[in-house]
Amino acid sequence: NGFGISEVCCEYFRNLILVDIDKDGLRKAKNKLSMKNPDKKIDT
């Protein structure tokens, strides 16, 4: 659900801060979101 929320919010917000215990999962989530939304600032 958290990644799904992030995907939708990426359409509207300029800056996303993704927080999770799963470091590898965060890296993958950031990569997926960044590929679709290169103009967004995404921090993990």
Full PDB file with SEQRES, HELIX, SHEET, SSBOND, CRYST1, ORIGX, SCALE, CONECT and MASTER records, all heavy atoms in Angstrom:
SEQRES   1 A   44  ASN GLY PHE GLY ILE SER GLU VAL CYS CYS GLU TYR PHE          
SEQRES   2 A   44  ARG ASN LEU ILE LEU VAL ASP ILE ASP LYS ASP GLY LEU          
SEQRES   3 A   44  ARG LYS ALA LYS ASN LYS LEU SER MET LYS ASN PRO ASP          
SEQRES   4 A   44  LYS LYS ILE ASP THR                                          
HELIX    1 AA1 GLY A    2  CYS A   10  1                                   9    
HELIX    2 AA2 LYS A   23  LYS A   36  1                                  14    
SHEET    1 AA1 2 ASN A  15  ILE A  17  0                                        
SHEET    2 AA1 2 LYS A  41  ASP A  43  1                                        
CRYST1    1.000    1.000    1.000  90.00  90.00  90.00 P 1           1          
ORIGX1      1.000000  0.000000  0.000000        0.00000                         
ORIGX2      0.000000  1.000000  0.000000        0.00000                         
ORIGX3      0.000000  0.000000  1.000000        0.00000                         
SCALE1      1.000000  0.000000  0.000000        0.00000                         
SCALE2      0.000000  1.000000  0.000000        0.00000                         
SCALE3      0.000000  0.000000  1.000000        0.00000                         
ATOM      1  N   ASN A   1       0.816  -1.213   0.000  1.00  0.00           N  
ATOM      2  CA  ASN A   1       0.000   0.000   0.000  1.00  0.00           C  
ATOM      3  C   ASN A   1       0.853   1.267   0.000  1.00  0.00           C  
ATOM      4  O   ASN A   1       0.509   2.247  -0.653  1.00  0.00           O  
ATOM      5  CB  ASN A   1      -0.931   0.032   1.215  1.00  0.00           C  
ATOM      6  CG  ASN A   1      -2.048  -0.961   1.127  1.00  0.00           C  
ATOM      7  OD1 ASN A   1      -2.378  -1.439   0.050  1.00  0.00           O  
ATOM      8  ND2 ASN A   1      -2.639  -1.288   2.267  1.00  0.00           N  
ATOM      9  N   GLY A   2       1.943   1.243   0.744  1.00  0.00           N  
ATOM     10  CA  GLY A   2       2.802   2.425   0.832  1.00  0.00           C  
ATOM     11  C   GLY A   2       3.395   2.805  -0.510  1.00  0.00           C  
ATOM     12  O   GLY A   2       3.459   3.983  -0.860  1.00  0.00           O  
ATOM     13  N   PHE A   3       3.825   1.795  -1.276  1.00  0.00           N  
ATOM     14  CA  PHE A   3       4.359   2.098  -2.602  1.00  0.00           C  
ATOM     15  C   PHE A   3       3.245   2.582  -3.510  1.00  0.00           C  
ATOM     16  O   PHE A   3       3.439   3.516  -4.288  1.00  0.00           O  
ATOM     17  CB  PHE A   3       5.069   0.889  -3.215  1.00  0.00           C  
ATOM     18  CG  PHE A   3       5.630   1.193  -4.571  1.00  0.00           C  
ATOM     19  CD1 PHE A   3       6.739   2.023  -4.706  1.00  0.00           C  
ATOM     20  CD2 PHE A   3       5.022   0.712  -5.723  1.00  0.00           C  
ATOM     21  CE1 PHE A   3       7.250   2.348  -5.958  1.00  0.00           C  
ATOM     22  CE2 PHE A   3       5.519   1.024  -6.984  1.00  0.00           C  
ATOM     23  CZ  PHE A   3       6.632   1.843  -7.101  1.00  0.00           C  
ATOM     24  N   GLY A   4       2.063   1.984  -3.413  1.00  0.00           N  
ATOM     25  CA  GLY A   4       0.922   2.442  -4.207  1.00  0.00           C  
ATOM     26  C   GLY A   4       0.562   3.885  -3.902  1.00  0.00           C  
ATOM     27  O   GLY A   4       0.295   4.681  -4.810  1.00  0.00           O  
ATOM     28  N   ILE A   5       0.579   4.246  -2.632  1.00  0.00           N  
ATOM     29  CA  ILE A   5       0.320   5.630  -2.231  1.00  0.00           C  
ATOM     30  C   ILE A   5       1.398   6.533  -2.821  1.00  0.00           C  
ATOM     31  O   ILE A   5       1.108   7.615  -3.337  1.00  0.00           O  
ATOM     32  CB  ILE A   5       0.270   5.744  -0.692  1.00  0.00           C  
ATOM     33  CG1 ILE A   5      -0.964   5.018  -0.143  1.00  0.00           C  
ATOM     34  CG2 ILE A   5       0.283   7.210  -0.247  1.00  0.00           C  
ATOM     35  CD1 ILE A   5      -0.947   4.782   1.354  1.00  0.00           C  
ATOM     36  N   SER A   6       2.632   6.082  -2.778  1.00  0.00           N  
ATOM     37  CA  SER A   6       3.749   6.864  -3.321  1.00  0.00           C  
ATOM     38  C   SER A   6       3.591   7.085  -4.826  1.00  0.00           C  
ATOM     39  O   SER A   6       3.848   8.188  -5.322  1.00  0.00           O  
ATOM     40  CB  SER A   6       5.080   6.159  -3.052  1.00  0.00           C  
ATOM     41  OG  SER A   6       5.284   6.006  -1.670  1.00  0.00           O  
ATOM     42  N   GLU A   7       3.176   6.047  -5.546  1.00  0.00           N  
ATOM     43  CA  GLU A   7       2.979   6.183  -6.994  1.00  0.00           C  
ATOM     44  C   GLU A   7       1.938   7.249  -7.318  1.00  0.00           C  
ATOM     45  O   GLU A   7       2.147   8.095  -8.193  1.00  0.00           O  
ATOM     46  CB  GLU A   7       2.529   4.855  -7.603  1.00  0.00           C  
ATOM     47  CG  GLU A   7       3.638   3.860  -7.807  1.00  0.00           C  
ATOM     48  CD  GLU A   7       3.140   2.622  -8.519  1.00  0.00           C  
ATOM     49  OE1 GLU A   7       2.227   1.955  -8.007  1.00  0.00           O  
ATOM     50  OE2 GLU A   7       3.681   2.335  -9.612  1.00  0.00           O  
ATOM     51  N   VAL A   8       0.817   7.222  -6.624  1.00  0.00           N  
ATOM     52  CA  VAL A   8      -0.239   8.204  -6.874  1.00  0.00           C  
ATOM     53  C   VAL A   8       0.224   9.601  -6.474  1.00  0.00           C  
ATOM     54  O   VAL A   8       0.038  10.570  -7.224  1.00  0.00           O  
ATOM     55  CB  VAL A   8      -1.539   7.816  -6.131  1.00  0.00           C  
ATOM     56  CG1 VAL A   8      -2.552   8.942  -6.195  1.00  0.00           C  
ATOM     57  CG2 VAL A   8      -2.112   6.530  -6.702  1.00  0.00           C  
ATOM     58  N   CYS A   9       0.844   9.710  -5.320  1.00  0.00           N  
ATOM     59  CA  CYS A   9       1.282  11.023  -4.832  1.00  0.00           C  
ATOM     60  C   CYS A   9       2.375  11.625  -5.701  1.00  0.00           C  
ATOM     61  O   CYS A   9       2.507  12.848  -5.784  1.00  0.00           O  
ATOM     62  CB  CYS A   9       1.734  10.924  -3.383  1.00  0.00           C  
ATOM     63  SG  CYS A   9       0.349  10.637  -2.254  1.00  0.00           S  
ATOM     64  N   CYS A  10       3.136  10.773  -6.363  1.00  0.00           N  
ATOM     65  CA  CYS A  10       4.202  11.247  -7.239  1.00  0.00           C  
ATOM     66  C   CYS A  10       3.637  12.078  -8.398  1.00  0.00           C  
ATOM     67  O   CYS A  10       4.321  12.936  -8.936  1.00  0.00           O  
ATOM     68  CB  CYS A  10       4.999  10.062  -7.760  1.00  0.00           C  
ATOM     69  SG  CYS A  10       6.719  10.448  -8.105  1.00  0.00           S  
ATOM     70  N   GLU A  11       2.395  11.840  -8.743  1.00  0.00           N  
ATOM     71  CA  GLU A  11       1.755  12.607  -9.808  1.00  0.00           C  
ATOM     72  C   GLU A  11       1.458  14.045  -9.376  1.00  0.00           C  
ATOM     73  O   GLU A  11       1.349  14.928 -10.216  1.00  0.00           O  
ATOM     74  CB  GLU A  11       0.444  11.931 -10.229  1.00  0.00           C  
ATOM     75  CG  GLU A  11       0.633  10.580 -10.873  1.00  0.00           C  
ATOM     76  CD  GLU A  11      -0.699   9.937 -11.226  1.00  0.00           C  
ATOM     77  OE1 GLU A  11      -1.660  10.670 -11.525  1.00  0.00           O  
ATOM     78  OE2 GLU A  11      -0.764   8.700 -11.207  1.00  0.00           O  
ATOM     79  N   TYR A  12       1.311  14.267  -8.071  1.00  0.00           N  
ATOM     80  CA  TYR A  12       0.848  15.553  -7.577  1.00  0.00           C  
ATOM     81  C   TYR A  12       1.886  16.357  -6.805  1.00  0.00           C  
ATOM     82  O   TYR A  12       1.906  17.574  -6.875  1.00  0.00           O  
ATOM     83  CB  TYR A  12      -0.385  15.356  -6.682  1.00  0.00           C  
ATOM     84  CG  TYR A  12      -1.522  14.699  -7.425  1.00  0.00           C  
ATOM     85  CD1 TYR A  12      -1.764  13.340  -7.309  1.00  0.00           C  
ATOM     86  CD2 TYR A  12      -2.326  15.443  -8.275  1.00  0.00           C  
ATOM     87  CE1 TYR A  12      -2.802  12.737  -7.992  1.00  0.00           C  
ATOM     88  CE2 TYR A  12      -3.363  14.847  -8.970  1.00  0.00           C  
ATOM     89  CZ  TYR A  12      -3.596  13.488  -8.826  1.00  0.00           C  
ATOM     90  OH  TYR A  12      -4.611  12.893  -9.520  1.00  0.00           O  
ATOM     91  N   PHE A  13       2.722  15.668  -6.025  1.00  0.00           N  
ATOM     92  CA  PHE A  13       3.688  16.348  -5.165  1.00  0.00           C  
ATOM     93  C   PHE A  13       5.032  16.477  -5.864  1.00  0.00           C  
ATOM     94  O   PHE A  13       5.443  15.607  -6.616  1.00  0.00           O  
ATOM     95  CB  PHE A  13       3.881  15.567  -3.857  1.00  0.00           C  
ATOM     96  CG  PHE A  13       2.708  15.635  -2.927  1.00  0.00           C  
ATOM     97  CD1 PHE A  13       1.617  14.791  -3.086  1.00  0.00           C  
ATOM     98  CD2 PHE A  13       2.689  16.546  -1.883  1.00  0.00           C  
ATOM     99  CE1 PHE A  13       0.532  14.837  -2.226  1.00  0.00           C  
ATOM    100  CE2 PHE A  13       1.607  16.604  -1.025  1.00  0.00           C  
ATOM    101  CZ  PHE A  13       0.523  15.748  -1.196  1.00  0.00           C  
ATOM    102  N   ARG A  14       5.726  17.541  -5.588  1.00  0.00           N  
ATOM    103  CA  ARG A  14       7.056  17.784  -6.162  1.00  0.00           C  
ATOM    104  C   ARG A  14       8.125  16.970  -5.443  1.00  0.00           C  
ATOM    105  O   ARG A  14       9.046  16.449  -6.049  1.00  0.00           O  
ATOM    106  CB  ARG A  14       7.384  19.276  -6.078  1.00  0.00           C  
ATOM    107  CG  ARG A  14       8.788  19.630  -6.510  1.00  0.00           C  
ATOM    108  CD  ARG A  14       8.853  19.912  -7.983  1.00  0.00           C  
ATOM    109  NE  ARG A  14      10.178  20.356  -8.341  1.00  0.00           N  
ATOM    110  CZ  ARG A  14      10.903  19.746  -9.258  1.00  0.00           C  
ATOM    111  NH1 ARG A  14      10.429  18.735  -9.914  1.00  0.00           N  
ATOM    112  NH2 ARG A  14      12.102  20.182  -9.546  1.00  0.00           N  
ATOM    113  N   ASN A  15       8.005  16.899  -4.114  1.00  0.00           N  
ATOM    114  CA  ASN A  15       9.015  16.242  -3.286  1.00  0.00           C  
ATOM    115  C   ASN A  15       8.383  15.107  -2.499  1.00  0.00           C  
ATOM    116  O   ASN A  15       7.371  15.300  -1.831  1.00  0.00           O  
ATOM    117  CB  ASN A  15       9.625  17.233  -2.286  1.00  0.00           C  
ATOM    118  CG  ASN A  15      10.186  18.453  -2.967  1.00  0.00           C  
ATOM    119  OD1 ASN A  15      10.998  18.351  -3.869  1.00  0.00           O  
ATOM    120  ND2 ASN A  15       9.739  19.626  -2.540  1.00  0.00           N  
ATOM    121  N   LEU A  16       9.008  13.937  -2.572  1.00  0.00           N  
ATOM    122  CA  LEU A  16       8.551  12.777  -1.820  1.00  0.00           C  
ATOM    123  C   LEU A  16       9.655  12.312  -0.880  1.00  0.00           C  
ATOM    124  O   LEU A  16      10.828  12.253  -1.269  1.00  0.00           O  
ATOM    125  CB  LEU A  16       8.178  11.623  -2.748  1.00  0.00           C  
ATOM    126  CG  LEU A  16       6.830  11.711  -3.444  1.00  0.00           C  
ATOM    127  CD1 LEU A  16       6.903  12.616  -4.641  1.00  0.00           C  
ATOM    128  CD2 LEU A  16       6.344  10.333  -3.826  1.00  0.00           C  
ATOM    129  N   ILE A  17       9.243  11.981   0.337  1.00  0.00           N  
ATOM    130  CA  ILE A  17      10.152  11.394   1.317  1.00  0.00           C  
ATOM    131  C   ILE A  17       9.599  10.005   1.617  1.00  0.00           C  
ATOM    132  O   ILE A  17       8.496   9.873   2.154  1.00  0.00           O  
ATOM    133  CB  ILE A  17      10.213  12.226   2.613  1.00  0.00           C  
ATOM    134  CG1 ILE A  17      10.622  13.668   2.312  1.00  0.00           C  
ATOM    135  CG2 ILE A  17      11.161  11.572   3.616  1.00  0.00           C  
ATOM    136  CD1 ILE A  17      10.388  14.627   3.481  1.00  0.00           C  
ATOM    137  N   LEU A  18      10.342   8.985   1.230  1.00  0.00           N  
ATOM    138  CA  LEU A  18       9.915   7.608   1.423  1.00  0.00           C  
ATOM    139  C   LEU A  18      10.651   7.030   2.629  1.00  0.00           C  
ATOM    140  O   LEU A  18      11.875   7.090   2.691  1.00  0.00           O  
ATOM    141  CB  LEU A  18      10.215   6.772   0.182  1.00  0.00           C  
ATOM    142  CG  LEU A  18       9.748   7.332  -1.168  1.00  0.00           C  
ATOM    143  CD1 LEU A  18      10.133   6.384  -2.295  1.00  0.00           C  
ATOM    144  CD2 LEU A  18       8.258   7.609  -1.162  1.00  0.00           C  
ATOM    145  N   VAL A  19       9.895   6.475   3.560  1.00  0.00           N  
ATOM    146  CA  VAL A  19      10.466   5.924   4.790  1.00  0.00           C  
ATOM    147  C   VAL A  19      10.049   4.461   4.910  1.00  0.00           C  
ATOM    148  O   VAL A  19       8.884   4.124   4.706  1.00  0.00           O  
ATOM    149  CB  VAL A  19       9.969   6.713   6.024  1.00  0.00           C  
ATOM    150  CG1 VAL A  19      10.503   6.103   7.311  1.00  0.00           C  
ATOM    151  CG2 VAL A  19      10.346   8.192   5.913  1.00  0.00           C  
ATOM    152  N   ASP A  20      11.012   3.603   5.229  1.00  0.00           N  
ATOM    153  CA  ASP A  20      10.711   2.182   5.412  1.00  0.00           C  
ATOM    154  C   ASP A  20      11.902   1.529   6.102  1.00  0.00           C  
ATOM    155  O   ASP A  20      13.015   2.053   6.064  1.00  0.00           O  
ATOM    156  CB  ASP A  20      10.456   1.505   4.058  1.00  0.00           C  
ATOM    157  CG  ASP A  20       9.600   0.267   4.163  1.00  0.00           C  
ATOM    158  OD1 ASP A  20      10.053  -0.747   4.730  1.00  0.00           O  
ATOM    159  OD2 ASP A  20       8.455   0.309   3.671  1.00  0.00           O  
ATOM    160  N   ILE A  21      11.664   0.379   6.686  1.00  0.00           N  
ATOM    161  CA  ILE A  21      12.746  -0.395   7.298  1.00  0.00           C  
ATOM    162  C   ILE A  21      13.540  -1.152   6.228  1.00  0.00           C  
ATOM    163  O   ILE A  21      14.687  -1.517   6.427  1.00  0.00           O  
ATOM    164  CB  ILE A  21      12.188  -1.376   8.359  1.00  0.00           C  
ATOM    165  CG1 ILE A  21      13.322  -1.963   9.199  1.00  0.00           C  
ATOM    166  CG2 ILE A  21      11.315  -2.448   7.717  1.00  0.00           C  
ATOM    167  CD1 ILE A  21      12.840  -2.784  10.377  1.00  0.00           C  
ATOM    168  N   ASP A  22      12.928  -1.379   5.068  1.00  0.00           N  
ATOM    169  CA  ASP A  22      13.496  -2.176   3.975  1.00  0.00           C  
ATOM    170  C   ASP A  22      14.358  -1.293   3.055  1.00  0.00           C  
ATOM    171  O   ASP A  22      13.850  -0.668   2.130  1.00  0.00           O  
ATOM    172  CB  ASP A  22      12.357  -2.830   3.197  1.00  0.00           C  
ATOM    173  CG  ASP A  22      12.822  -3.698   2.046  1.00  0.00           C  
ATOM    174  OD1 ASP A  22      14.045  -3.801   1.795  1.00  0.00           O  
ATOM    175  OD2 ASP A  22      11.936  -4.275   1.371  1.00  0.00           O  
ATOM    176  N   LYS A  23      15.656  -1.282   3.319  1.00  0.00           N  
ATOM    177  CA  LYS A  23      16.580  -0.423   2.565  1.00  0.00           C  
ATOM    178  C   LYS A  23      16.598  -0.766   1.075  1.00  0.00           C  
ATOM    179  O   LYS A  23      16.554   0.117   0.219  1.00  0.00           O  
ATOM    180  CB  LYS A  23      17.989  -0.529   3.151  1.00  0.00           C  
ATOM    181  CG  LYS A  23      18.968   0.477   2.607  1.00  0.00           C  
ATOM    182  CD  LYS A  23      20.297   0.394   3.348  1.00  0.00           C  
ATOM    183  CE  LYS A  23      21.195   1.526   2.949  1.00  0.00           C  
ATOM    184  NZ  LYS A  23      22.412   1.583   3.760  1.00  0.00           N  
ATOM    185  N   ASP A  24      16.668  -2.046   0.746  1.00  0.00           N  
ATOM    186  CA  ASP A  24      16.677  -2.470  -0.649  1.00  0.00           C  
ATOM    187  C   ASP A  24      15.341  -2.129  -1.321  1.00  0.00           C  
ATOM    188  O   ASP A  24      15.306  -1.689  -2.466  1.00  0.00           O  
ATOM    189  CB  ASP A  24      16.971  -3.964  -0.748  1.00  0.00           C  
ATOM    190  CG  ASP A  24      17.205  -4.411  -2.182  1.00  0.00           C  
ATOM    191  OD1 ASP A  24      18.017  -3.770  -2.887  1.00  0.00           O  
ATOM    192  OD2 ASP A  24      16.568  -5.397  -2.597  1.00  0.00           O  
ATOM    193  N   GLY A  25      14.250  -2.343  -0.603  1.00  0.00           N  
ATOM    194  CA  GLY A  25      12.931  -1.992  -1.127  1.00  0.00           C  
ATOM    195  C   GLY A  25      12.802  -0.501  -1.391  1.00  0.00           C  
ATOM    196  O   GLY A  25      12.193  -0.087  -2.385  1.00  0.00           O  
ATOM    197  N   LEU A  26      13.374   0.321  -0.526  1.00  0.00           N  
ATOM    198  CA  LEU A  26      13.364   1.779  -0.734  1.00  0.00           C  
ATOM    199  C   LEU A  26      14.126   2.156  -2.007  1.00  0.00           C  
ATOM    200  O   LEU A  26      13.669   2.997  -2.783  1.00  0.00           O  
ATOM    201  CB  LEU A  26      13.992   2.500   0.462  1.00  0.00           C  
ATOM    202  CG  LEU A  26      13.125   2.704   1.685  1.00  0.00           C  
ATOM    203  CD1 LEU A  26      13.957   3.264   2.836  1.00  0.00           C  
ATOM    204  CD2 LEU A  26      11.942   3.611   1.391  1.00  0.00           C  
ATOM    205  N   ARG A  27      15.274   1.518  -2.187  1.00  0.00           N  
ATOM    206  CA  ARG A  27      16.072   1.794  -3.386  1.00  0.00           C  
ATOM    207  C   ARG A  27      15.282   1.458  -4.648  1.00  0.00           C  
ATOM    208  O   ARG A  27      15.225   2.243  -5.590  1.00  0.00           O  
ATOM    209  CB  ARG A  27      17.386   1.009  -3.335  1.00  0.00           C  
ATOM    210  CG  ARG A  27      18.339   1.280  -4.508  1.00  0.00           C  
ATOM    211  CD  ARG A  27      19.548   0.353  -4.491  1.00  0.00           C  
ATOM    212  NE  ARG A  27      19.236  -1.062  -4.403  1.00  0.00           N  
ATOM    213  CZ  ARG A  27      18.758  -1.806  -5.408  1.00  0.00           C  
ATOM    214  NH1 ARG A  27      18.529  -1.270  -6.586  1.00  0.00           N  
ATOM    215  NH2 ARG A  27      18.500  -3.098  -5.238  1.00  0.00           N  
ATOM    216  N   LYS A  28      14.642   0.294  -4.636  1.00  0.00           N  
ATOM    217  CA  LYS A  28      13.844  -0.125  -5.793  1.00  0.00           C  
ATOM    218  C   LYS A  28      12.651   0.796  -6.009  1.00  0.00           C  
ATOM    219  O   LYS A  28      12.338   1.159  -7.148  1.00  0.00           O  
ATOM    220  CB  LYS A  28      13.368  -1.567  -5.608  1.00  0.00           C  
ATOM    221  CG  LYS A  28      14.483  -2.587  -5.709  1.00  0.00           C  
ATOM    222  CD  LYS A  28      13.976  -3.987  -5.408  1.00  0.00           C  
ATOM    223  CE  LYS A  28      15.125  -4.989  -5.428  1.00  0.00           C  
ATOM    224  NZ  LYS A  28      14.687  -6.332  -5.022  1.00  0.00           N  
ATOM    225  N   ALA A  29      11.988   1.178  -4.935  1.00  0.00           N  
ATOM    226  CA  ALA A  29      10.840   2.082  -5.041  1.00  0.00           C  
ATOM    227  C   ALA A  29      11.266   3.425  -5.626  1.00  0.00           C  
ATOM    228  O   ALA A  29      10.609   3.955  -6.532  1.00  0.00           O  
ATOM    229  CB  ALA A  29      10.189   2.282  -3.671  1.00  0.00           C  
ATOM    230  N   LYS A  30      12.378   3.952  -5.128  1.00  0.00           N  
ATOM    231  CA  LYS A  30      12.872   5.230  -5.643  1.00  0.00           C  
ATOM    232  C   LYS A  30      13.208   5.113  -7.123  1.00  0.00           C  
ATOM    233  O   LYS A  30      12.874   6.012  -7.911  1.00  0.00           O  
ATOM    234  CB  LYS A  30      14.098   5.690  -4.855  1.00  0.00           C  
ATOM    235  CG  LYS A  30      14.658   7.014  -5.352  1.00  0.00           C  
ATOM    236  CD  LYS A  30      15.832   7.483  -4.537  1.00  0.00           C  
ATOM    237  CE  LYS A  30      16.354   8.808  -5.087  1.00  0.00           C  
ATOM    238  NZ  LYS A  30      17.406   9.373  -4.235  1.00  0.00           N  
ATOM    239  N   ASN A  31      13.872   4.040  -7.513  1.00  0.00           N  
ATOM    240  CA  ASN A  31      14.231   3.852  -8.924  1.00  0.00           C  
ATOM    241  C   ASN A  31      12.993   3.798  -9.812  1.00  0.00           C  
ATOM    242  O   ASN A  31      12.956   4.423 -10.875  1.00  0.00           O  
ATOM    243  CB  ASN A  31      15.083   2.599  -9.111  1.00  0.00           C  
ATOM    244  CG  ASN A  31      16.489   2.767  -8.565  1.00  0.00           C  
ATOM    245  OD1 ASN A  31      16.956   3.878  -8.350  1.00  0.00           O  
ATOM    246  ND2 ASN A  31      17.160   1.659  -8.320  1.00  0.00           N  
ATOM    247  N   LYS A  32      11.985   3.035  -9.413  1.00  0.00           N  
ATOM    248  CA  LYS A  32      10.755   2.931 -10.198  1.00  0.00           C  
ATOM    249  C   LYS A  32      10.074   4.285 -10.336  1.00  0.00           C  
ATOM    250  O   LYS A  32       9.646   4.666 -11.427  1.00  0.00           O  
ATOM    251  CB  LYS A  32       9.782   1.941  -9.547  1.00  0.00           C  
ATOM    252  CG  LYS A  32      10.145   0.504  -9.719  1.00  0.00           C  
ATOM    253  CD  LYS A  32       9.098  -0.382  -9.032  1.00  0.00           C  
ATOM    254  CE  LYS A  32       9.540  -1.818  -8.979  1.00  0.00           C  
ATOM    255  NZ  LYS A  32       8.582  -2.657  -8.235  1.00  0.00           N  
ATOM    256  N   LEU A  33       9.958   4.990  -9.223  1.00  0.00           N  
ATOM    257  CA  LEU A  33       9.288   6.290  -9.248  1.00  0.00           C  
ATOM    258  C   LEU A  33      10.083   7.316 -10.050  1.00  0.00           C  
ATOM    259  O   LEU A  33       9.514   8.112 -10.794  1.00  0.00           O  
ATOM    260  CB  LEU A  33       9.050   6.797  -7.822  1.00  0.00           C  
ATOM    261  CG  LEU A  33       8.066   5.994  -6.979  1.00  0.00           C  
ATOM    262  CD1 LEU A  33       8.068   6.492  -5.542  1.00  0.00           C  
ATOM    263  CD2 LEU A  33       6.666   6.032  -7.569  1.00  0.00           C  
ATOM    264  N   SER A  34      11.394   7.290  -9.905  1.00  0.00           N  
ATOM    265  CA  SER A  34      12.255   8.246 -10.618  1.00  0.00           C  
ATOM    266  C   SER A  34      12.229   8.034 -12.126  1.00  0.00           C  
ATOM    267  O   SER A  34      12.300   8.993 -12.889  1.00  0.00           O  
ATOM    268  CB  SER A  34      13.695   8.153 -10.112  1.00  0.00           C  
ATOM    269  OG  SER A  34      13.771   8.546  -8.764  1.00  0.00           O  
ATOM    270  N   MET A  35      12.137   6.776 -12.553  1.00  0.00           N  
ATOM    271  CA  MET A  35      12.091   6.503 -13.994  1.00  0.00           C  
ATOM    272  C   MET A  35      10.828   7.091 -14.619  1.00  0.00           C  
ATOM    273  O   MET A  35      10.874   7.635 -15.712  1.00  0.00           O  
ATOM    274  CB  MET A  35      12.164   4.995 -14.260  1.00  0.00           C  
ATOM    275  CG  MET A  35      13.564   4.449 -14.074  1.00  0.00           C  
ATOM    276  SD  MET A  35      13.843   2.777 -14.730  1.00  0.00           S  
ATOM    277  CE  MET A  35      12.463   1.860 -14.163  1.00  0.00           C  
ATOM    278  N   LYS A  36       9.719   6.995 -13.929  1.00  0.00           N  
ATOM    279  CA  LYS A  36       8.450   7.522 -14.440  1.00  0.00           C  
ATOM    280  C   LYS A  36       8.318   9.022 -14.234  1.00  0.00           C  
ATOM    281  O   LYS A  36       7.562   9.680 -14.936  1.00  0.00           O  
ATOM    282  CB  LYS A  36       7.266   6.838 -13.751  1.00  0.00           C  
ATOM    283  CG  LYS A  36       7.081   5.396 -14.111  1.00  0.00           C  
ATOM    284  CD  LYS A  36       5.858   4.848 -13.389  1.00  0.00           C  
ATOM    285  CE  LYS A  36       5.674   3.374 -13.650  1.00  0.00           C  
ATOM    286  NZ  LYS A  36       4.541   2.828 -12.883  1.00  0.00           N  
ATOM    287  N   ASN A  37       9.037   9.556 -13.247  1.00  0.00           N  
ATOM    288  CA  ASN A  37       8.887  10.961 -12.845  1.00  0.00           C  
ATOM    289  C   ASN A  37      10.250  11.596 -12.615  1.00  0.00           C  
ATOM    290  O   ASN A  37      10.614  11.913 -11.486  1.00  0.00           O  
ATOM    291  CB  ASN A  37       8.064  11.047 -11.555  1.00  0.00           C  
ATOM    292  CG  ASN A  37       6.742  10.338 -11.656  1.00  0.00           C  
ATOM    293  OD1 ASN A  37       5.793  10.871 -12.213  1.00  0.00           O  
ATOM    294  ND2 ASN A  37       6.669   9.125 -11.128  1.00  0.00           N  
ATOM    295  N   PRO A  38      11.020  11.809 -13.678  1.00  0.00           N  
ATOM    296  CA  PRO A  38      12.392  12.308 -13.497  1.00  0.00           C  
ATOM    297  C   PRO A  38      12.476  13.724 -12.924  1.00  0.00           C  
ATOM    298  O   PRO A  38      13.525  14.110 -12.422  1.00  0.00           O  
ATOM    299  CB  PRO A  38      12.971  12.259 -14.913  1.00  0.00           C  
ATOM    300  CG  PRO A  38      11.800  12.245 -15.817  1.00  0.00           C  
ATOM    301  CD  PRO A  38      10.684  11.593 -15.074  1.00  0.00           C  
ATOM    302  N   ASP A  39      11.387  14.467 -12.967  1.00  0.00           N  
ATOM    303  CA  ASP A  39      11.399  15.836 -12.465  1.00  0.00           C  
ATOM    304  C   ASP A  39      11.116  15.922 -10.959  1.00  0.00           C  
ATOM    305  O   ASP A  39      11.158  17.008 -10.381  1.00  0.00           O  
ATOM    306  CB  ASP A  39      10.376  16.686 -13.215  1.00  0.00           C  
ATOM    307  CG  ASP A  39       8.956  16.163 -13.053  1.00  0.00           C  
ATOM    308  OD1 ASP A  39       8.782  14.926 -12.997  1.00  0.00           O  
ATOM    309  OD2 ASP A  39       8.030  16.990 -12.981  1.00  0.00           O  
ATOM    310  N   LYS A  40      10.854  14.809 -10.313  1.00  0.00           N  
ATOM    311  CA  LYS A  40      10.518  14.795  -8.887  1.00  0.00           C  
ATOM    312  C   LYS A  40      11.771  14.608  -8.032  1.00  0.00           C  
ATOM    313  O   LYS A  40      12.715  13.940  -8.422  1.00  0.00           O  
ATOM    314  CB  LYS A  40       9.532  13.669  -8.559  1.00  0.00           C  
ATOM    315  CG  LYS A  40       8.271  13.685  -9.389  1.00  0.00           C  
ATOM    316  CD  LYS A  40       7.423  14.897  -9.109  1.00  0.00           C  
ATOM    317  CE  LYS A  40       6.191  14.876 -10.007  1.00  0.00           C  
ATOM    318  NZ  LYS A  40       5.139  15.723  -9.549  1.00  0.00           N  
ATOM    319  N   LYS A  41      11.736  15.207  -6.852  1.00  0.00           N  
ATOM    320  CA  LYS A  41      12.793  14.972  -5.864  1.00  0.00           C  
ATOM    321  C   LYS A  41      12.282  13.880  -4.933  1.00  0.00           C  
ATOM    322  O   LYS A  41      11.253  14.052  -4.275  1.00  0.00           O  
ATOM    323  CB  LYS A  41      13.096  16.245  -5.074  1.00  0.00           C  
ATOM    324  CG  LYS A  41      14.180  16.032  -4.034  1.00  0.00           C  
ATOM    325  CD  LYS A  41      14.439  17.280  -3.210  1.00  0.00           C  
ATOM    326  CE  LYS A  41      15.524  16.967  -2.192  1.00  0.00           C  
ATOM    327  NZ  LYS A  41      15.411  17.775  -1.001  1.00  0.00           N  
ATOM    328  N   ILE A  42      12.992  12.763  -4.905  1.00  0.00           N  
ATOM    329  CA  ILE A  42      12.585  11.628  -4.083  1.00  0.00           C  
ATOM    330  C   ILE A  42      13.743  11.263  -3.160  1.00  0.00           C  
ATOM    331  O   ILE A  42      14.813  10.878  -3.618  1.00  0.00           O  
ATOM    332  CB  ILE A  42      12.189  10.422  -4.959  1.00  0.00           C  
ATOM    333  CG1 ILE A  42      11.062  10.815  -5.923  1.00  0.00           C  
ATOM    334  CG2 ILE A  42      11.797   9.239  -4.085  1.00  0.00           C  
ATOM    335  CD1 ILE A  42      10.758   9.783  -6.992  1.00  0.00           C  
ATOM    336  N   ASP A  43      13.504  11.424  -1.869  1.00  0.00           N  
ATOM    337  CA  ASP A  43      14.495  11.046  -0.864  1.00  0.00           C  
ATOM    338  C   ASP A  43      14.010   9.812  -0.130  1.00  0.00           C  
ATOM    339  O   ASP A  43      12.802   9.607   0.035  1.00  0.00           O  
ATOM    340  CB  ASP A  43      14.698  12.173   0.153  1.00  0.00           C  
ATOM    341  CG  ASP A  43      15.469  13.342  -0.430  1.00  0.00           C  
ATOM    342  OD1 ASP A  43      16.308  13.137  -1.321  1.00  0.00           O  
ATOM    343  OD2 ASP A  43      15.225  14.485   0.019  1.00  0.00           O  
ATOM    344  N   THR A  44      14.941   8.992   0.317  1.00  0.00           N  
ATOM    345  CA  THR A  44      14.594   7.800   1.087  1.00  0.00           C  
ATOM    346  C   THR A  44      15.325   7.817   2.423  1.00  0.00           C  
ATOM    347  O   THR A  44      16.459   8.296   2.517  1.00  0.00           O  
ATOM    348  CB  THR A  44      14.943   6.510   0.328  1.00  0.00           C  
ATOM    349  OG1 THR A  44      16.348   6.470   0.088  1.00  0.00           O  
ATOM    350  CG2 THR A  44      14.184   6.420  -0.994  1.00  0.00           C  
TER     351      THR A  44                                                      
MASTER        0    0    0    2    2    0    0    6  350    1    0    4          
END                                                                             
